[in-house]
Amino acid sequence: MHRESARAAIAKAQDQQAKAFNKGRKPIPHLVKGDRVLVNPHTLEWIKSKGKGKKLTQWWIRPFEIIQHINPNIYWLRMSDLYLGLPIFNYQHLKKYKDSPAEYGDHYALPETRTSKQAQEEYVVEKIIAERCTKKGLEYLVCWARYSPLYDTWEPKRALTNVPEVVSKWKRTRDTSQLEA
């Protein structure tokens, strides 16, 4: 008897807490891969949305395409590397983009807000020369295409995830050289 009344009281309290928590939240939008959304830089607290001139920052920037719906709350967007961090956002920072009606004519996009950060140049890995184990993990000595050996650098294993064929080629050559020795 006492346990049942305690369970009922706990359930009632949890229900009230859930209602209070959800009162200020916006409903989860129905967004799918390929939809375009706007991002709110103010809720993300990006640098340009704080300090002097924050009132002049756009409230919603760009339409970005949704690449993947990761879970009910999280979306992966197609963004340029001018934007800091990962292109993965909670739905609370997004708003579905609606195209202007045709009777209003052509719609012009506002200029890019992140012009201060330069797009990163991508370097091409020619080959891996050596490997070493450090406290931080496995590192490879990388020979960069179109650069002399003077510019070879030690790179962590995680930095070479986009060139698996070069890493596997290094492992094959390393294994065959160890067998010969």
N, C-alpha and C. Protein backbone atom coordinates (compact mmCIF):
# COMPACT_ATOMS: atom_id res chain seq x y z
N MET A 1 0.82 -1.19 0.00
CA MET A 1 0.00 0.00 0.00
C MET A 1 0.86 1.26 0.00
N HIS A 2 1.84 1.31 0.92
CA HIS A 2 2.70 2.48 0.99
C HIS A 2 3.61 2.58 -0.24
N ARG A 3 4.07 1.42 -0.72
CA ARG A 3 4.93 1.42 -1.91
C ARG A 3 4.17 1.92 -3.12
N GLU A 4 2.94 1.51 -3.28
CA GLU A 4 2.14 1.96 -4.44
C GLU A 4 1.90 3.45 -4.39
N SER A 5 1.61 3.99 -3.20
CA SER A 5 1.39 5.43 -3.11
C SER A 5 2.70 6.19 -3.33
N ALA A 6 3.83 5.63 -2.91
CA ALA A 6 5.13 6.27 -3.15
C ALA A 6 5.45 6.26 -4.64
N ARG A 7 5.19 5.13 -5.33
CA ARG A 7 5.41 5.04 -6.78
C ARG A 7 4.53 6.04 -7.52
N ALA A 8 3.29 6.17 -7.10
CA ALA A 8 2.38 7.12 -7.74
C ALA A 8 2.86 8.55 -7.54
N ALA A 9 3.35 8.86 -6.33
CA ALA A 9 3.85 10.20 -6.05
C ALA A 9 5.09 10.51 -6.87
N ILE A 10 5.99 9.53 -7.01
CA ILE A 10 7.20 9.71 -7.82
C ILE A 10 6.83 9.91 -9.29
N ALA A 11 5.90 9.11 -9.81
CA ALA A 11 5.46 9.25 -11.20
C ALA A 11 4.84 10.61 -11.44
N LYS A 12 4.02 11.09 -10.51
CA LYS A 12 3.39 12.40 -10.64
C LYS A 12 4.45 13.50 -10.63
N ALA A 13 5.44 13.40 -9.75
CA ALA A 13 6.51 14.40 -9.68
C ALA A 13 7.33 14.41 -10.97
N GLN A 14 7.65 13.21 -11.52
CA GLN A 14 8.41 13.13 -12.76
C GLN A 14 7.62 13.74 -13.92
N ASP A 15 6.33 13.51 -13.94
CA ASP A 15 5.47 14.07 -14.98
C ASP A 15 5.46 15.60 -14.90
N GLN A 16 5.36 16.15 -13.70
CA GLN A 16 5.37 17.59 -13.51
C GLN A 16 6.72 18.19 -13.92
N GLN A 17 7.82 17.51 -13.57
CA GLN A 17 9.14 17.99 -13.94
C GLN A 17 9.33 17.98 -15.46
N ALA A 18 8.84 16.93 -16.12
CA ALA A 18 8.95 16.85 -17.58
C ALA A 18 8.16 17.96 -18.24
N LYS A 19 6.96 18.26 -17.73
CA LYS A 19 6.15 19.35 -18.29
C LYS A 19 6.84 20.68 -18.12
N ALA A 20 7.42 20.93 -16.94
CA ALA A 20 8.12 22.19 -16.68
C ALA A 20 9.35 22.32 -17.57
N PHE A 21 10.08 21.21 -17.76
CA PHE A 21 11.27 21.23 -18.60
C PHE A 21 10.90 21.50 -20.06
N ASN A 22 9.87 20.84 -20.55
CA ASN A 22 9.49 20.96 -21.96
C ASN A 22 8.72 22.23 -22.28
N LYS A 23 8.30 22.97 -21.27
CA LYS A 23 7.52 24.19 -21.50
C LYS A 23 8.28 25.20 -22.35
N GLY A 24 9.58 25.38 -22.08
CA GLY A 24 10.38 26.37 -22.80
C GLY A 24 11.05 25.84 -24.05
N ARG A 25 10.87 24.58 -24.36
CA ARG A 25 11.54 23.99 -25.51
C ARG A 25 10.64 24.04 -26.73
N LYS A 26 11.28 24.25 -27.88
CA LYS A 26 10.48 24.23 -29.10
C LYS A 26 10.30 22.78 -29.56
N PRO A 27 9.23 22.49 -30.27
CA PRO A 27 9.00 21.11 -30.70
C PRO A 27 10.07 20.67 -31.70
N ILE A 28 10.34 19.38 -31.71
CA ILE A 28 11.33 18.84 -32.63
C ILE A 28 10.78 18.93 -34.05
N PRO A 29 11.50 19.62 -34.95
CA PRO A 29 11.01 19.77 -36.32
C PRO A 29 11.17 18.46 -37.10
N HIS A 30 10.37 18.31 -38.13
CA HIS A 30 10.49 17.14 -39.01
C HIS A 30 11.42 17.53 -40.15
N LEU A 31 12.71 17.24 -39.99
CA LEU A 31 13.72 17.54 -41.00
C LEU A 31 14.31 16.24 -41.50
N VAL A 32 14.57 16.18 -42.80
CA VAL A 32 15.13 14.97 -43.40
C VAL A 32 16.36 15.33 -44.23
N LYS A 33 17.11 14.33 -44.63
CA LYS A 33 18.29 14.53 -45.46
C LYS A 33 17.89 15.29 -46.72
N GLY A 34 18.68 16.33 -47.05
CA GLY A 34 18.40 17.13 -48.24
C GLY A 34 17.66 18.42 -47.93
N ASP A 35 16.97 18.51 -46.78
CA ASP A 35 16.32 19.76 -46.39
C ASP A 35 17.39 20.82 -46.14
N ARG A 36 16.99 22.08 -46.27
CA ARG A 36 17.91 23.17 -45.98
C ARG A 36 17.45 23.86 -44.71
N VAL A 37 18.44 24.23 -43.87
CA VAL A 37 18.14 24.86 -42.58
C VAL A 37 19.01 26.10 -42.39
N LEU A 38 18.55 26.97 -41.50
CA LEU A 38 19.31 28.14 -41.08
C LEU A 38 19.89 27.85 -39.70
N VAL A 39 21.05 28.44 -39.40
CA VAL A 39 21.72 28.24 -38.12
C VAL A 39 21.72 29.57 -37.35
N ASN A 40 21.43 29.50 -36.05
CA ASN A 40 21.42 30.68 -35.20
C ASN A 40 22.78 30.83 -34.51
N PRO A 41 23.61 31.82 -34.93
CA PRO A 41 24.94 31.96 -34.31
C PRO A 41 24.87 32.50 -32.89
N HIS A 42 23.78 33.13 -32.50
CA HIS A 42 23.67 33.68 -31.15
C HIS A 42 23.51 32.57 -30.11
N THR A 43 22.71 31.55 -30.39
CA THR A 43 22.55 30.47 -29.42
C THR A 43 23.80 29.61 -29.34
N LEU A 44 24.60 29.59 -30.42
CA LEU A 44 25.84 28.83 -30.42
C LEU A 44 26.98 29.59 -29.75
N GLU A 45 26.77 30.88 -29.53
CA GLU A 45 27.78 31.75 -28.92
C GLU A 45 29.07 31.75 -29.73
N TRP A 46 28.95 31.90 -31.05
CA TRP A 46 30.12 32.06 -31.90
C TRP A 46 30.70 33.44 -31.64
N ILE A 47 31.96 33.64 -31.95
CA ILE A 47 32.68 34.87 -31.63
C ILE A 47 31.97 36.11 -32.19
N LYS A 48 31.51 36.05 -33.42
CA LYS A 48 30.89 37.21 -34.04
C LYS A 48 29.55 37.58 -33.41
N SER A 49 28.95 36.68 -32.62
CA SER A 49 27.66 36.99 -32.03
C SER A 49 27.81 37.54 -30.61
N LYS A 50 29.03 37.87 -30.22
CA LYS A 50 29.28 38.43 -28.89
C LYS A 50 30.08 39.72 -29.02
N GLY A 51 30.02 40.53 -28.00
CA GLY A 51 30.85 41.73 -27.92
C GLY A 51 30.34 42.86 -28.78
N LYS A 52 31.27 43.74 -29.15
CA LYS A 52 30.95 44.94 -29.90
C LYS A 52 30.36 44.59 -31.27
N GLY A 53 29.24 45.18 -31.59
CA GLY A 53 28.59 44.95 -32.88
C GLY A 53 27.73 43.71 -32.95
N LYS A 54 27.45 43.08 -31.80
CA LYS A 54 26.67 41.84 -31.84
C LYS A 54 25.25 42.07 -32.35
N LYS A 55 24.73 43.29 -32.17
CA LYS A 55 23.37 43.58 -32.64
C LYS A 55 23.29 43.55 -34.16
N LEU A 56 24.43 43.73 -34.82
CA LEU A 56 24.45 43.76 -36.28
C LEU A 56 24.67 42.39 -36.90
N THR A 57 24.94 41.40 -36.08
CA THR A 57 25.13 40.04 -36.59
C THR A 57 23.79 39.46 -37.03
N GLN A 58 23.81 38.74 -38.14
CA GLN A 58 22.58 38.11 -38.62
C GLN A 58 22.04 37.16 -37.56
N TRP A 59 20.72 37.13 -37.44
CA TRP A 59 20.11 36.21 -36.48
C TRP A 59 20.11 34.79 -37.00
N TRP A 60 19.95 34.62 -38.27
CA TRP A 60 20.00 33.28 -38.88
C TRP A 60 20.91 33.37 -40.09
N ILE A 61 21.86 32.44 -40.19
CA ILE A 61 22.80 32.51 -41.30
C ILE A 61 22.63 31.34 -42.26
N ARG A 62 22.86 31.67 -43.54
CA ARG A 62 22.90 30.71 -44.64
C ARG A 62 21.75 29.73 -44.66
N PRO A 63 21.43 29.19 -45.75
CA PRO A 63 20.76 27.89 -45.74
C PRO A 63 21.83 26.81 -45.95
N PHE A 64 21.89 25.86 -45.03
CA PHE A 64 22.81 24.72 -45.12
C PHE A 64 22.00 23.46 -45.38
N GLU A 65 22.54 22.58 -46.18
CA GLU A 65 21.86 21.32 -46.49
C GLU A 65 22.13 20.29 -45.40
N ILE A 66 21.10 19.53 -45.04
CA ILE A 66 21.26 18.45 -44.08
C ILE A 66 21.84 17.24 -44.80
N ILE A 67 22.98 16.77 -44.32
CA ILE A 67 23.63 15.59 -44.90
C ILE A 67 23.09 14.32 -44.26
N GLN A 68 22.93 14.37 -42.91
CA GLN A 68 22.52 13.17 -42.19
C GLN A 68 21.72 13.55 -40.96
N HIS A 69 20.70 12.76 -40.67
CA HIS A 69 19.91 12.89 -39.45
C HIS A 69 20.47 11.86 -38.48
N ILE A 70 21.32 12.31 -37.56
CA ILE A 70 22.08 11.39 -36.70
C ILE A 70 21.19 10.73 -35.65
N ASN A 71 20.40 11.54 -34.95
CA ASN A 71 19.42 11.01 -33.99
C ASN A 71 18.27 12.01 -33.93
N PRO A 72 17.23 11.79 -33.14
CA PRO A 72 16.07 12.70 -33.17
C PRO A 72 16.41 14.17 -32.91
N ASN A 73 17.52 14.45 -32.23
CA ASN A 73 17.86 15.84 -31.91
C ASN A 73 19.02 16.40 -32.70
N ILE A 74 19.81 15.58 -33.36
CA ILE A 74 21.09 15.99 -33.93
C ILE A 74 21.09 15.85 -35.45
N TYR A 75 21.65 16.90 -36.12
CA TYR A 75 21.74 16.92 -37.57
C TYR A 75 23.16 17.27 -38.00
N TRP A 76 23.60 16.65 -39.10
CA TRP A 76 24.91 16.92 -39.68
C TRP A 76 24.65 17.76 -40.93
N LEU A 77 25.30 18.94 -41.01
CA LEU A 77 25.07 19.88 -42.10
C LEU A 77 26.27 19.95 -43.03
N ARG A 78 26.01 20.31 -44.30
CA ARG A 78 27.07 20.54 -45.28
C ARG A 78 27.50 22.01 -45.13
N MET A 79 28.71 22.20 -44.55
CA MET A 79 29.22 23.55 -44.30
C MET A 79 30.64 23.66 -44.83
N SER A 80 31.04 24.88 -45.20
CA SER A 80 32.43 25.10 -45.62
C SER A 80 33.32 25.09 -44.38
N ASP A 81 34.62 24.99 -44.60
CA ASP A 81 35.52 24.98 -43.46
C ASP A 81 35.81 26.38 -42.93
N LEU A 82 35.06 27.38 -43.40
CA LEU A 82 35.16 28.72 -42.82
C LEU A 82 34.54 28.76 -41.44
N TYR A 83 33.71 27.79 -41.13
CA TYR A 83 33.03 27.74 -39.84
C TYR A 83 33.82 26.86 -38.88
N LEU A 84 33.96 27.36 -37.65
CA LEU A 84 34.72 26.64 -36.64
C LEU A 84 33.97 25.42 -36.14
N GLY A 85 34.69 24.41 -35.71
CA GLY A 85 34.08 23.25 -35.08
C GLY A 85 33.46 22.28 -36.07
N LEU A 86 32.72 21.35 -35.52
CA LEU A 86 32.08 20.32 -36.32
C LEU A 86 30.76 20.82 -36.90
N PRO A 87 30.37 20.33 -38.06
CA PRO A 87 29.10 20.74 -38.66
C PRO A 87 27.92 19.91 -38.15
N ILE A 88 27.93 19.59 -36.86
CA ILE A 88 26.89 18.77 -36.25
C ILE A 88 26.17 19.63 -35.22
N PHE A 89 24.82 19.74 -35.34
CA PHE A 89 24.07 20.68 -34.52
C PHE A 89 22.84 20.04 -33.89
N ASN A 90 22.49 20.52 -32.72
CA ASN A 90 21.24 20.17 -32.07
C ASN A 90 20.14 20.95 -32.77
N TYR A 91 18.95 20.39 -32.84
CA TYR A 91 17.84 21.04 -33.54
C TYR A 91 17.47 22.38 -32.92
N GLN A 92 17.85 22.62 -31.65
CA GLN A 92 17.52 23.88 -30.98
C GLN A 92 18.19 25.07 -31.67
N HIS A 93 19.28 24.84 -32.41
CA HIS A 93 20.01 25.91 -33.08
C HIS A 93 19.61 26.06 -34.54
N LEU A 94 18.65 25.27 -35.00
CA LEU A 94 18.28 25.24 -36.42
C LEU A 94 16.85 25.69 -36.64
N LYS A 95 16.60 26.17 -37.85
CA LYS A 95 15.26 26.52 -38.27
C LYS A 95 15.14 26.14 -39.74
N LYS A 96 14.05 25.50 -40.11
CA LYS A 96 13.85 25.07 -41.50
C LYS A 96 13.82 26.29 -42.41
N TYR A 97 14.52 26.20 -43.53
CA TYR A 97 14.59 27.29 -44.50
C TYR A 97 13.42 27.18 -45.47
N LYS A 98 12.75 28.28 -45.68
CA LYS A 98 11.64 28.31 -46.64
C LYS A 98 12.02 29.24 -47.78
N ASP A 99 11.94 28.73 -49.00
CA ASP A 99 12.23 29.56 -50.17
C ASP A 99 11.20 30.66 -50.30
N SER A 100 11.62 31.80 -50.87
CA SER A 100 10.70 32.91 -51.10
C SER A 100 9.72 32.53 -52.20
N PRO A 101 8.49 33.02 -52.13
CA PRO A 101 7.54 32.75 -53.22
C PRO A 101 8.04 33.34 -54.54
N ALA A 102 7.67 32.72 -55.63
CA ALA A 102 8.14 33.12 -56.96
C ALA A 102 7.72 34.55 -57.31
N GLU A 103 6.59 35.01 -56.79
CA GLU A 103 6.12 36.35 -57.15
C GLU A 103 7.03 37.46 -56.61
N TYR A 104 7.93 37.13 -55.67
CA TYR A 104 8.85 38.13 -55.14
C TYR A 104 10.13 38.23 -55.95
N GLY A 105 10.28 37.42 -56.97
CA GLY A 105 11.45 37.47 -57.83
C GLY A 105 12.61 36.67 -57.27
N ASP A 106 13.80 36.95 -57.84
CA ASP A 106 15.00 36.23 -57.42
C ASP A 106 15.35 36.57 -55.98
N HIS A 107 15.84 35.58 -55.26
CA HIS A 107 16.23 35.76 -53.86
C HIS A 107 17.75 35.77 -53.80
N TYR A 108 18.31 36.80 -53.23
CA TYR A 108 19.76 36.92 -53.14
C TYR A 108 20.21 36.54 -51.74
N ALA A 109 21.21 35.68 -51.67
CA ALA A 109 21.74 35.25 -50.37
C ALA A 109 22.61 36.35 -49.79
N LEU A 110 22.59 36.48 -48.49
CA LEU A 110 23.46 37.44 -47.81
C LEU A 110 24.90 36.98 -47.93
N PRO A 111 25.85 37.90 -47.85
CA PRO A 111 27.26 37.50 -47.98
C PRO A 111 27.68 36.60 -46.82
N GLU A 112 28.73 35.85 -47.04
CA GLU A 112 29.28 34.95 -46.04
C GLU A 112 29.70 35.74 -44.80
N THR A 113 29.30 35.27 -43.63
CA THR A 113 29.62 35.99 -42.40
C THR A 113 30.99 35.62 -41.86
N ARG A 114 31.52 34.52 -42.25
CA ARG A 114 32.81 34.06 -41.74
C ARG A 114 33.89 34.25 -42.79
N THR A 115 34.28 35.48 -43.07
CA THR A 115 35.30 35.72 -44.08
C THR A 115 36.69 35.85 -43.48
N SER A 116 36.80 35.98 -42.16
CA SER A 116 38.10 36.18 -41.54
C SER A 116 38.92 34.89 -41.51
N LYS A 117 38.30 33.75 -41.42
CA LYS A 117 39.03 32.49 -41.39
C LYS A 117 39.24 32.00 -42.82
N GLN A 118 40.47 31.79 -43.17
CA GLN A 118 40.80 31.33 -44.52
C GLN A 118 40.50 29.85 -44.66
N ALA A 119 40.08 29.46 -45.84
CA ALA A 119 39.86 28.04 -46.11
C ALA A 119 41.21 27.33 -46.01
N GLN A 120 41.21 26.16 -45.41
CA GLN A 120 42.46 25.44 -45.20
C GLN A 120 42.91 24.74 -46.47
N GLU A 121 44.19 24.88 -46.75
CA GLU A 121 44.75 24.19 -47.90
C GLU A 121 44.93 22.72 -47.53
N GLU A 122 44.57 21.84 -48.43
CA GLU A 122 44.73 20.41 -48.15
C GLU A 122 46.02 19.94 -48.80
N TYR A 123 46.86 19.32 -47.97
CA TYR A 123 48.13 18.80 -48.44
C TYR A 123 47.96 17.33 -48.81
N VAL A 124 48.71 16.91 -49.83
CA VAL A 124 48.62 15.54 -50.32
C VAL A 124 49.77 14.72 -49.75
N VAL A 125 49.42 13.58 -49.16
CA VAL A 125 50.43 12.68 -48.60
C VAL A 125 50.99 11.84 -49.74
N GLU A 126 52.31 11.93 -49.92
CA GLU A 126 52.96 11.13 -50.96
C GLU A 126 53.22 9.72 -50.45
N LYS A 127 53.87 9.64 -49.26
CA LYS A 127 54.15 8.33 -48.67
C LYS A 127 54.51 8.51 -47.20
N ILE A 128 54.53 7.38 -46.50
CA ILE A 128 54.95 7.36 -45.10
C ILE A 128 56.35 6.77 -45.08
N ILE A 129 57.24 7.42 -44.33
CA ILE A 129 58.64 7.02 -44.31
C ILE A 129 58.97 6.18 -43.08
N ALA A 130 58.39 6.55 -41.93
CA ALA A 130 58.71 5.85 -40.68
C ALA A 130 57.54 5.99 -39.72
N GLU A 131 57.65 5.27 -38.61
CA GLU A 131 56.63 5.38 -37.57
C GLU A 131 57.32 5.32 -36.21
N ARG A 132 56.62 5.89 -35.20
CA ARG A 132 57.15 5.85 -33.84
C ARG A 132 55.98 5.85 -32.87
N CYS A 133 56.25 5.31 -31.69
CA CYS A 133 55.26 5.32 -30.61
C CYS A 133 55.66 6.38 -29.60
N THR A 134 54.72 7.26 -29.27
CA THR A 134 54.96 8.29 -28.27
C THR A 134 53.92 8.13 -27.16
N LYS A 135 54.00 9.00 -26.16
CA LYS A 135 53.01 8.97 -25.09
C LYS A 135 51.61 9.27 -25.62
N LYS A 136 51.54 10.05 -26.68
CA LYS A 136 50.25 10.42 -27.28
C LYS A 136 49.72 9.36 -28.24
N GLY A 137 50.54 8.39 -28.58
CA GLY A 137 50.10 7.33 -29.49
C GLY A 137 51.03 7.17 -30.68
N LEU A 138 50.56 6.47 -31.68
CA LEU A 138 51.35 6.17 -32.87
C LEU A 138 51.43 7.40 -33.77
N GLU A 139 52.65 7.68 -34.28
CA GLU A 139 52.86 8.79 -35.21
C GLU A 139 53.61 8.27 -36.44
N TYR A 140 53.32 8.90 -37.57
CA TYR A 140 53.98 8.53 -38.83
C TYR A 140 54.78 9.72 -39.34
N LEU A 141 55.95 9.44 -39.91
CA LEU A 141 56.75 10.47 -40.58
C LEU A 141 56.23 10.55 -42.02
N VAL A 142 55.63 11.68 -42.36
CA VAL A 142 54.92 11.83 -43.63
C VAL A 142 55.75 12.63 -44.62
N CYS A 143 55.86 12.11 -45.83
CA CYS A 143 56.47 12.82 -46.95
C CYS A 143 55.33 13.44 -47.76
N TRP A 144 55.35 14.76 -47.88
CA TRP A 144 54.26 15.48 -48.56
C TRP A 144 54.57 15.61 -50.04
N ALA A 145 53.55 15.43 -50.88
CA ALA A 145 53.70 15.57 -52.34
C ALA A 145 54.07 17.02 -52.66
N ARG A 146 54.95 17.21 -53.62
CA ARG A 146 55.41 18.52 -54.11
C ARG A 146 56.24 19.29 -53.06
N TYR A 147 56.74 18.60 -52.03
CA TYR A 147 57.59 19.24 -51.03
C TYR A 147 58.86 18.41 -50.85
N SER A 148 59.94 19.06 -50.53
CA SER A 148 61.21 18.35 -50.34
C SER A 148 61.21 17.64 -48.99
N PRO A 149 62.17 16.71 -48.78
CA PRO A 149 62.25 16.01 -47.49
C PRO A 149 62.46 16.96 -46.30
N LEU A 150 62.87 18.17 -46.57
CA LEU A 150 63.04 19.17 -45.52
C LEU A 150 61.72 19.44 -44.80
N TYR A 151 60.60 19.24 -45.50
CA TYR A 151 59.27 19.53 -44.94
C TYR A 151 58.53 18.30 -44.42
N ASP A 152 59.20 17.15 -44.34
CA ASP A 152 58.57 15.95 -43.77
C ASP A 152 58.21 16.22 -42.31
N THR A 153 57.04 15.76 -41.88
CA THR A 153 56.60 16.01 -40.50
C THR A 153 56.06 14.74 -39.87
N TRP A 154 56.12 14.70 -38.53
CA TRP A 154 55.52 13.61 -37.77
C TRP A 154 54.06 13.95 -37.54
N GLU A 155 53.16 13.08 -37.98
CA GLU A 155 51.73 13.29 -37.85
C GLU A 155 51.11 12.16 -37.04
N PRO A 156 50.13 12.48 -36.18
CA PRO A 156 49.47 11.41 -35.42
C PRO A 156 48.63 10.53 -36.34
N LYS A 157 48.42 9.31 -35.92
CA LYS A 157 47.65 8.34 -36.72
C LYS A 157 46.27 8.88 -37.08
N ARG A 158 45.61 9.56 -36.14
CA ARG A 158 44.26 10.08 -36.38
C ARG A 158 44.21 11.16 -37.46
N ALA A 159 45.36 11.81 -37.75
CA ALA A 159 45.39 12.84 -38.78
C ALA A 159 45.43 12.25 -40.18
N LEU A 160 45.66 10.95 -40.29
CA LEU A 160 45.77 10.31 -41.60
C LEU A 160 44.60 9.40 -41.93
N THR A 161 43.45 9.64 -41.33
CA THR A 161 42.29 8.79 -41.57
C THR A 161 41.73 8.94 -42.98
N ASN A 162 42.02 10.07 -43.64
CA ASN A 162 41.49 10.26 -45.00
C ASN A 162 42.40 9.67 -46.08
N VAL A 163 43.51 9.05 -45.70
CA VAL A 163 44.40 8.40 -46.66
C VAL A 163 44.71 6.96 -46.23
N PRO A 164 43.68 6.12 -46.13
CA PRO A 164 43.91 4.75 -45.65
C PRO A 164 44.78 3.92 -46.58
N GLU A 165 44.75 4.22 -47.88
CA GLU A 165 45.55 3.44 -48.82
C GLU A 165 47.04 3.68 -48.60
N VAL A 166 47.43 4.90 -48.24
CA VAL A 166 48.85 5.20 -47.97
C VAL A 166 49.30 4.48 -46.70
N VAL A 167 48.44 4.50 -45.68
CA VAL A 167 48.77 3.84 -44.41
C VAL A 167 48.88 2.33 -44.62
N SER A 168 47.94 1.74 -45.36
CA SER A 168 47.99 0.29 -45.59
C SER A 168 49.21 -0.08 -46.43
N LYS A 169 49.59 0.77 -47.38
CA LYS A 169 50.80 0.52 -48.19
C LYS A 169 52.03 0.55 -47.30
N TRP A 170 52.09 1.52 -46.36
CA TRP A 170 53.20 1.58 -45.41
C TRP A 170 53.26 0.31 -44.56
N LYS A 171 52.11 -0.14 -44.07
CA LYS A 171 52.09 -1.34 -43.22
C LYS A 171 52.57 -2.57 -43.99
N ARG A 172 52.17 -2.68 -45.28
CA ARG A 172 52.62 -3.81 -46.09
C ARG A 172 54.14 -3.77 -46.30
N THR A 173 54.68 -2.60 -46.63
CA THR A 173 56.13 -2.50 -46.86
C THR A 173 56.91 -2.70 -45.56
N ARG A 174 56.36 -2.21 -44.45
CA ARG A 174 57.00 -2.40 -43.15
C ARG A 174 57.02 -3.88 -42.77
N ASP A 175 55.89 -4.56 -42.99
CA ASP A 175 55.81 -5.98 -42.64
C ASP A 175 56.75 -6.82 -43.49
N THR A 176 56.86 -6.52 -44.79
CA THR A 176 57.77 -7.29 -45.65
C THR A 176 59.21 -7.02 -45.31
N SER A 177 59.57 -5.80 -44.91
CA SER A 177 60.95 -5.50 -44.53
C SER A 177 61.31 -6.18 -43.22
N GLN A 178 60.34 -6.35 -42.31
CA GLN A 178 60.60 -7.04 -41.04
C GLN A 178 60.78 -8.54 -41.27
N LEU A 179 60.06 -9.10 -42.26
CA LEU A 179 60.21 -10.52 -42.56
C LEU A 179 61.59 -10.81 -43.15
N GLU A 180 62.10 -9.88 -43.98
CA GLU A 180 63.40 -10.06 -44.61
C GLU A 180 64.55 -9.94 -43.61
N ALA A 181 64.35 -9.17 -42.54
CA ALA A 181 65.42 -8.93 -41.57
C ALA A 181 65.67 -10.09 -40.64
